[in-house]
């Protein structure tokens, strides 16, 4: 489990869900997400919107929340 605690904005929690081979993300900005690894793109892609990668989502939200350019 990885928890990112932003005092002014809440907590991001990333957790593995082994039975489904997924990573689950809880975001105070956009809610709950499930990501599955896509070998072709070499990225964790959303199970509901395959154009959304977990890395891109985190970078966008953390940059907007903190006002600091985040790179992952």
PDB file of N, CA and C in Angstrom:
ATOM      1  N   UNK A   1       0.848  -1.182   0.000  1.00  0.00           N
ATOM      2  CA  UNK A   1       0.000   0.000   0.000  1.00  0.00           C
ATOM      3  C   UNK A   1       0.889   1.239   0.000  1.00  0.00           C
ATOM      4  N   UNK A   2       0.542   2.192  -0.862  1.00  0.00           N
ATOM      5  CA  UNK A   2       1.222   3.479  -0.895  1.00  0.00           C
ATOM      6  C   UNK A   2       0.183   4.547  -0.595  1.00  0.00           C
ATOM      7  N   UNK A   3       0.458   5.355   0.416  1.00  0.00           N
ATOM      8  CA  UNK A   3      -0.436   6.445   0.785  1.00  0.00           C
ATOM      9  C   UNK A   3       0.291   7.766   0.595  1.00  0.00           C
ATOM     10  N   UNK A   4      -0.342   8.673  -0.139  1.00  0.00           N
ATOM     11  CA  UNK A   4       0.174  10.028  -0.318  1.00  0.00           C
ATOM     12  C   UNK A   4      -0.785  10.948   0.421  1.00  0.00           C
ATOM     13  N   UNK A   5      -0.303  11.536   1.507  1.00  0.00           N
ATOM     14  CA  UNK A   5      -1.151  12.359   2.364  1.00  0.00           C
ATOM     15  C   UNK A   5      -0.849  13.832   2.107  1.00  0.00           C
ATOM     16  N   UNK A   6      -1.814  14.524   1.530  1.00  0.00           N
ATOM     17  CA  UNK A   6      -1.694  15.957   1.287  1.00  0.00           C
ATOM     18  C   UNK A   6      -2.598  16.655   2.294  1.00  0.00           C
ATOM     19  N   UNK A   7      -2.001  17.321   3.250  1.00  0.00           N
ATOM     20  CA  UNK A   7      -2.750  17.891   4.371  1.00  0.00           C
ATOM     21  C   UNK A   7      -3.944  18.727   3.913  1.00  0.00           C
ATOM     22  N   UNK A   8      -3.771  19.507   2.863  1.00  0.00           N
ATOM     23  CA  UNK A   8      -4.851  20.398   2.436  1.00  0.00           C
ATOM     24  C   UNK A   8      -5.824  19.748   1.457  1.00  0.00           C
ATOM     25  N   UNK A   9      -5.475  18.592   0.913  1.00  0.00           N
ATOM     26  CA  UNK A   9      -6.301  18.024  -0.154  1.00  0.00           C
ATOM     27  C   UNK A   9      -6.780  16.600   0.094  1.00  0.00           C
ATOM     28  N   UNK A  10      -6.325  15.946   1.145  1.00  0.00           N
ATOM     29  CA  UNK A  10      -6.744  14.575   1.411  1.00  0.00           C
ATOM     30  C   UNK A  10      -5.673  13.549   1.094  1.00  0.00           C
ATOM     31  N   UNK A  11      -6.102  12.300   0.992  1.00  0.00           N
ATOM     32  CA  UNK A  11      -5.180  11.183   0.799  1.00  0.00           C
ATOM     33  C   UNK A  11      -5.410  10.470  -0.516  1.00  0.00           C
ATOM     34  N   UNK A  12      -4.308  10.110  -1.155  1.00  0.00           N
ATOM     35  CA  UNK A  12      -4.324   9.191  -2.288  1.00  0.00           C
ATOM     36  C   UNK A  12      -3.839   7.859  -1.740  1.00  0.00           C
ATOM     37  N   UNK A  13      -4.529   6.786  -2.085  1.00  0.00           N
ATOM     38  CA  UNK A  13      -4.122   5.454  -1.640  1.00  0.00           C
ATOM     39  C   UNK A  13      -4.051   4.546  -2.863  1.00  0.00           C
ATOM     40  N   UNK A  14      -2.896   3.909  -3.029  1.00  0.00           N
ATOM     41  CA  UNK A  14      -2.698   2.945  -4.109  1.00  0.00           C
ATOM     42  C   UNK A  14      -2.472   1.581  -3.454  1.00  0.00           C
ATOM     43  N   UNK A  15      -3.224   0.590  -3.907  1.00  0.00           N
ATOM     44  CA  UNK A  15      -3.166  -0.734  -3.306  1.00  0.00           C
ATOM     45  C   UNK A  15      -3.262  -1.776  -4.409  1.00  0.00           C
ATOM     46  N   UNK A  16      -2.575  -2.897  -4.239  1.00  0.00           N
ATOM     47  CA  UNK A  16      -2.699  -3.963  -5.226  1.00  0.00           C
ATOM     48  C   UNK A  16      -3.909  -4.829  -4.896  1.00  0.00           C
ATOM     49  N   UNK A  17      -4.540  -5.316  -5.936  1.00  0.00           N
ATOM     50  CA  UNK A  17      -5.635  -6.270  -5.786  1.00  0.00           C
ATOM     51  C   UNK A  17      -5.227  -7.509  -6.571  1.00  0.00           C
ATOM     52  N   UNK A  18      -4.517  -8.406  -5.891  1.00  0.00           N
ATOM     53  CA  UNK A  18      -3.892  -9.566  -6.537  1.00  0.00           C
ATOM     54  C   UNK A  18      -4.875 -10.476  -7.281  1.00  0.00           C
ATOM     55  N   UNK A  19      -6.066 -10.777  -6.739  1.00  0.00           N
ATOM     56  CA  UNK A  19      -6.952 -11.692  -7.464  1.00  0.00           C
ATOM     57  C   UNK A  19      -7.306 -11.212  -8.874  1.00  0.00           C
ATOM     58  N   UNK A  20      -7.419  -9.903  -9.051  1.00  0.00           N
ATOM     59  CA  UNK A  20      -7.767  -9.356 -10.361  1.00  0.00           C
ATOM     60  C   UNK A  20      -6.544  -8.848 -11.131  1.00  0.00           C
ATOM     61  N   UNK A  21      -5.363  -8.971 -10.527  1.00  0.00           N
ATOM     62  CA  UNK A  21      -4.129  -8.448 -11.127  1.00  0.00           C
ATOM     63  C   UNK A  21      -4.273  -6.974 -11.462  1.00  0.00           C
ATOM     64  N   UNK A  22      -4.768  -6.218 -10.500  1.00  0.00           N
ATOM     65  CA  UNK A  22      -5.022  -4.801 -10.695  1.00  0.00           C
ATOM     66  C   UNK A  22      -4.376  -3.980  -9.588  1.00  0.00           C
ATOM     67  N   UNK A  23      -4.198  -2.694  -9.877  1.00  0.00           N
ATOM     68  CA  UNK A  23      -3.865  -1.707  -8.862  1.00  0.00           C
ATOM     69  C   UNK A  23      -5.098  -0.846  -8.689  1.00  0.00           C
ATOM     70  N   UNK A  24      -5.437  -0.568  -7.439  1.00  0.00           N
ATOM     71  CA  UNK A  24      -6.602   0.262  -7.148  1.00  0.00           C
ATOM     72  C   UNK A  24      -6.113   1.585  -6.581  1.00  0.00           C
ATOM     73  N   UNK A  25      -6.717   2.654  -7.044  1.00  0.00           N
ATOM     74  CA  UNK A  25      -6.354   3.995  -6.615  1.00  0.00           C
ATOM     75  C   UNK A  25      -7.585   4.677  -6.039  1.00  0.00           C
ATOM     76  N   UNK A  26      -7.428   5.238  -4.862  1.00  0.00           N
ATOM     77  CA  UNK A  26      -8.466   6.077  -4.264  1.00  0.00           C
ATOM     78  C   UNK A  26      -7.936   7.503  -4.295  1.00  0.00           C
ATOM     79  N   UNK A  27      -8.682   8.386  -4.970  1.00  0.00           N
ATOM     80  CA  UNK A  27      -8.263   9.777  -5.141  1.00  0.00           C
ATOM     81  C   UNK A  27      -9.282  10.706  -4.491  1.00  0.00           C
ATOM     82  N   UNK A  28      -8.820  11.710  -3.723  1.00  0.00           N
ATOM     83  CA  UNK A  28      -9.766  12.669  -3.155  1.00  0.00           C
ATOM     84  C   UNK A  28     -10.363  13.579  -4.230  1.00  0.00           C
ATOM     85  N   UNK A  29      -9.736  13.620  -5.401  1.00  0.00           N
ATOM     86  CA  UNK A  29     -10.222  14.472  -6.487  1.00  0.00           C
ATOM     87  C   UNK A  29     -11.182  13.757  -7.428  1.00  0.00           C
ATOM     88  N   UNK A  30     -10.821  12.551  -7.828  1.00  0.00           N
ATOM     89  CA  UNK A  30     -11.606  11.869  -8.860  1.00  0.00           C
ATOM     90  C   UNK A  30     -12.233  10.551  -8.419  1.00  0.00           C
ATOM     91  N   UNK A  31     -12.048  10.166  -7.168  1.00  0.00           N
ATOM     92  CA  UNK A  31     -12.692   8.958  -6.656  1.00  0.00           C
ATOM     93  C   UNK A  31     -11.882   7.693  -6.859  1.00  0.00           C
ATOM     94  N   UNK A  32     -12.606   6.589  -7.016  1.00  0.00           N
ATOM     95  CA  UNK A  32     -11.980   5.262  -7.094  1.00  0.00           C
ATOM     96  C   UNK A  32     -11.673   4.879  -8.537  1.00  0.00           C
ATOM     97  N   UNK A  33     -10.494   4.284  -8.727  1.00  0.00           N
ATOM     98  CA  UNK A  33     -10.045   3.812 -10.038  1.00  0.00           C
ATOM     99  C   UNK A  33      -9.454   2.413  -9.905  1.00  0.00           C
ATOM    100  N   UNK A  34      -9.597   1.616 -10.957  1.00  0.00           N
ATOM    101  CA  UNK A  34      -8.944   0.312 -11.057  1.00  0.00           C
ATOM    102  C   UNK A  34      -8.088   0.338 -12.312  1.00  0.00           C
ATOM    103  N   UNK A  35      -6.850  -0.148 -12.202  1.00  0.00           N
ATOM    104  CA  UNK A  35      -5.917  -0.155 -13.321  1.00  0.00           C
ATOM    105  C   UNK A  35      -5.377  -1.561 -13.536  1.00  0.00           C
ATOM    106  N   UNK A  36      -5.251  -1.939 -14.805  1.00  0.00           N
ATOM    107  CA  UNK A  36      -4.695  -3.236 -15.180  1.00  0.00           C
ATOM    108  C   UNK A  36      -3.488  -2.977 -16.083  1.00  0.00           C
ATOM    109  N   UNK A  37      -2.425  -3.766 -15.898  1.00  0.00           N
ATOM    110  CA  UNK A  37      -1.213  -3.562 -16.691  1.00  0.00           C
ATOM    111  C   UNK A  37      -1.453  -3.968 -18.140  1.00  0.00           C
ATOM    112  N   UNK A  38      -1.033  -3.101 -19.060  1.00  0.00           N
ATOM    113  CA  UNK A  38      -1.129  -3.356 -20.484  1.00  0.00           C
ATOM    114  C   UNK A  38       0.292  -3.499 -21.027  1.00  0.00           C
ATOM    115  N   UNK A  39       0.652  -4.707 -21.425  1.00  0.00           N
ATOM    116  CA  UNK A  39       2.020  -4.980 -21.876  1.00  0.00           C
ATOM    117  C   UNK A  39       2.368  -4.223 -23.151  1.00  0.00           C
ATOM    118  N   UNK A  40       1.401  -4.031 -24.032  1.00  0.00           N
ATOM    119  CA  UNK A  40       1.669  -3.340 -25.294  1.00  0.00           C
ATOM    120  C   UNK A  40       2.099  -1.890 -25.063  1.00  0.00           C
ATOM    121  N   UNK A  41       1.410  -1.197 -24.185  1.00  0.00           N
ATOM    122  CA  UNK A  41       1.757   0.203 -23.919  1.00  0.00           C
ATOM    123  C   UNK A  41       2.704   0.345 -22.726  1.00  0.00           C
ATOM    124  N   UNK A  42       2.946  -0.767 -22.032  1.00  0.00           N
ATOM    125  CA  UNK A  42       3.795  -0.778 -20.839  1.00  0.00           C
ATOM    126  C   UNK A  42       3.326   0.242 -19.808  1.00  0.00           C
ATOM    127  N   UNK A  43       2.009   0.233 -19.556  1.00  0.00           N
ATOM    128  CA  UNK A  43       1.416   1.184 -18.616  1.00  0.00           C
ATOM    129  C   UNK A  43       0.250   0.532 -17.892  1.00  0.00           C
ATOM    130  N   UNK A  44      -0.063   1.076 -16.720  1.00  0.00           N
ATOM    131  CA  UNK A  44      -1.245   0.662 -15.974  1.00  0.00           C
ATOM    132  C   UNK A  44      -2.410   1.507 -16.481  1.00  0.00           C
ATOM    133  N   UNK A  45      -3.361   0.867 -17.183  1.00  0.00           N
ATOM    134  CA  UNK A  45      -4.478   1.571 -17.797  1.00  0.00           C
ATOM    135  C   UNK A  45      -5.764   1.323 -17.033  1.00  0.00           C
ATOM    136  N   UNK A  46      -6.610   2.330 -17.010  1.00  0.00           N
ATOM    137  CA  UNK A  46      -7.885   2.237 -16.313  1.00  0.00           C
ATOM    138  C   UNK A  46      -8.753   1.143 -16.921  1.00  0.00           C
ATOM    139  N   UNK A  47      -9.472   0.434 -16.085  1.00  0.00           N
ATOM    140  CA  UNK A  47     -10.380  -0.601 -16.579  1.00  0.00           C
ATOM    141  C   UNK A  47     -11.663   0.005 -17.127  1.00  0.00           C
ATOM    142  N   UNK A  48     -11.962   1.268 -16.823  1.00  0.00           N
ATOM    143  CA  UNK A  48     -13.182   1.893 -17.356  1.00  0.00           C
ATOM    144  C   UNK A  48     -12.901   2.843 -18.508  1.00  0.00           C
ATOM    145  N   UNK A  49     -11.670   3.326 -18.614  1.00  0.00           N
ATOM    146  CA  UNK A  49     -11.286   4.240 -19.693  1.00  0.00           C
ATOM    147  C   UNK A  49      -9.854   3.913 -20.078  1.00  0.00           C
ATOM    148  N   UNK A  50      -9.684   3.048 -21.067  1.00  0.00           N
ATOM    149  CA  UNK A  50      -8.357   2.531 -21.423  1.00  0.00           C
ATOM    150  C   UNK A  50      -7.406   3.610 -21.917  1.00  0.00           C
ATOM    151  N   UNK A  51      -7.895   4.814 -22.149  1.00  0.00           N
ATOM    152  CA  UNK A  51      -6.997   5.892 -22.571  1.00  0.00           C
ATOM    153  C   UNK A  51      -6.355   6.586 -21.371  1.00  0.00           C
ATOM    154  N   UNK A  52      -6.794   6.236 -20.151  1.00  0.00           N
ATOM    155  CA  UNK A  52      -6.293   6.886 -18.939  1.00  0.00           C
ATOM    156  C   UNK A  52      -5.289   5.988 -18.222  1.00  0.00           C
ATOM    157  N   UNK A  53      -4.042   6.446 -18.131  1.00  0.00           N
ATOM    158  CA  UNK A  53      -3.048   5.676 -17.385  1.00  0.00           C
ATOM    159  C   UNK A  53      -2.981   6.193 -15.948  1.00  0.00           C
ATOM    160  N   UNK A  54      -2.583   5.318 -15.053  1.00  0.00           N
ATOM    161  CA  UNK A  54      -2.481   5.698 -13.656  1.00  0.00           C
ATOM    162  C   UNK A  54      -1.428   6.790 -13.471  1.00  0.00           C
ATOM    163  N   UNK A  55      -0.307   6.682 -14.161  1.00  0.00           N
ATOM    164  CA  UNK A  55       0.758   7.673 -14.040  1.00  0.00           C
ATOM    165  C   UNK A  55       0.277   9.045 -14.484  1.00  0.00           C
ATOM    166  N   UNK A  56      -0.383   9.112 -15.636  1.00  0.00           N
ATOM    167  CA  UNK A  56      -0.883  10.392 -16.143  1.00  0.00           C
ATOM    168  C   UNK A  56      -1.903  11.009 -15.187  1.00  0.00           C
ATOM    169  N   UNK A  57      -2.789  10.182 -14.656  1.00  0.00           N
ATOM    170  CA  UNK A  57      -3.797  10.666 -13.715  1.00  0.00           C
ATOM    171  C   UNK A  57      -3.148  11.245 -12.465  1.00  0.00           C
ATOM    172  N   UNK A  58      -2.206  10.512 -11.889  1.00  0.00           N
ATOM    173  CA  UNK A  58      -1.524  10.993 -10.682  1.00  0.00           C
ATOM    174  C   UNK A  58      -0.743  12.272 -10.943  1.00  0.00           C
ATOM    175  N   UNK A  59      -0.018  12.327 -12.047  1.00  0.00           N
ATOM    176  CA  UNK A  59       0.755  13.529 -12.382  1.00  0.00           C
ATOM    177  C   UNK A  59      -0.184  14.730 -12.515  1.00  0.00           C
ATOM    178  N   UNK A  60      -1.267  14.567 -13.257  1.00  0.00           N
ATOM    179  CA  UNK A  60      -2.210  15.659 -13.470  1.00  0.00           C
ATOM    180  C   UNK A  60      -2.834  16.142 -12.158  1.00  0.00           C
ATOM    181  N   UNK A  61      -3.315  15.206 -11.355  1.00  0.00           N
ATOM    182  CA  UNK A  61      -3.996  15.588 -10.115  1.00  0.00           C
ATOM    183  C   UNK A  61      -3.034  16.146  -9.070  1.00  0.00           C
ATOM    184  N   UNK A  62      -1.872  15.528  -8.899  1.00  0.00           N
ATOM    185  CA  UNK A  62      -0.918  16.017  -7.898  1.00  0.00           C
ATOM    186  C   UNK A  62      -0.343  17.380  -8.294  1.00  0.00           C
ATOM    187  N   UNK A  63      -0.114  17.587  -9.580  1.00  0.00           N
ATOM    188  CA  UNK A  63       0.368  18.888 -10.053  1.00  0.00           C
ATOM    189  C   UNK A  63      -0.692  19.961  -9.808  1.00  0.00           C
ATOM    190  N   UNK A  64      -1.939  19.666 -10.133  1.00  0.00           N
ATOM    191  CA  UNK A  64      -3.024  20.631  -9.931  1.00  0.00           C
ATOM    192  C   UNK A  64      -3.234  20.940  -8.451  1.00  0.00           C
ATOM    193  N   UNK A  65      -3.127  19.927  -7.611  1.00  0.00           N
ATOM    194  CA  UNK A  65      -3.366  20.093  -6.181  1.00  0.00           C
ATOM    195  C   UNK A  65      -2.242  20.844  -5.474  1.00  0.00           C
ATOM    196  N   UNK A  66      -1.004  20.517  -5.822  1.00  0.00           N
ATOM    197  CA  UNK A  66       0.136  21.104  -5.118  1.00  0.00           C
ATOM    198  C   UNK A  66       0.674  22.376  -5.760  1.00  0.00           C
ATOM    199  N   UNK A  67       0.388  22.567  -7.044  1.00  0.00           N
ATOM    200  CA  UNK A  67       0.946  23.710  -7.753  1.00  0.00           C
ATOM    201  C   UNK A  67       2.410  23.526  -8.128  1.00  0.00           C
ATOM    202  N   UNK A  68       2.905  22.309  -7.959  1.00  0.00           N
ATOM    203  CA  UNK A  68       4.281  21.965  -8.277  1.00  0.00           C
ATOM    204  C   UNK A  68       4.270  20.951  -9.416  1.00  0.00           C
ATOM    205  N   UNK A  69       5.129  21.158 -10.413  1.00  0.00           N
ATOM    206  CA  UNK A  69       5.210  20.216 -11.529  1.00  0.00           C
ATOM    207  C   UNK A  69       5.716  18.874 -11.013  1.00  0.00           C
ATOM    208  N   UNK A  70       4.905  17.844 -11.133  1.00  0.00           N
ATOM    209  CA  UNK A  70       5.243  16.501 -10.656  1.00  0.00           C
ATOM    210  C   UNK A  70       5.644  15.639 -11.852  1.00  0.00           C
ATOM    211  N   UNK A  71       6.697  14.864 -11.708  1.00  0.00           N
ATOM    212  CA  UNK A  71       7.120  13.919 -12.738  1.00  0.00           C
ATOM    213  C   UNK A  71       7.267  12.544 -12.102  1.00  0.00           C
ATOM    214  N   UNK A  72       6.636  11.557 -12.703  1.00  0.00           N
ATOM    215  CA  UNK A  72       6.748  10.174 -12.207  1.00  0.00           C
ATOM    216  C   UNK A  72       7.338   9.295 -13.295  1.00  0.00           C
TER     217      UNK A  72
END
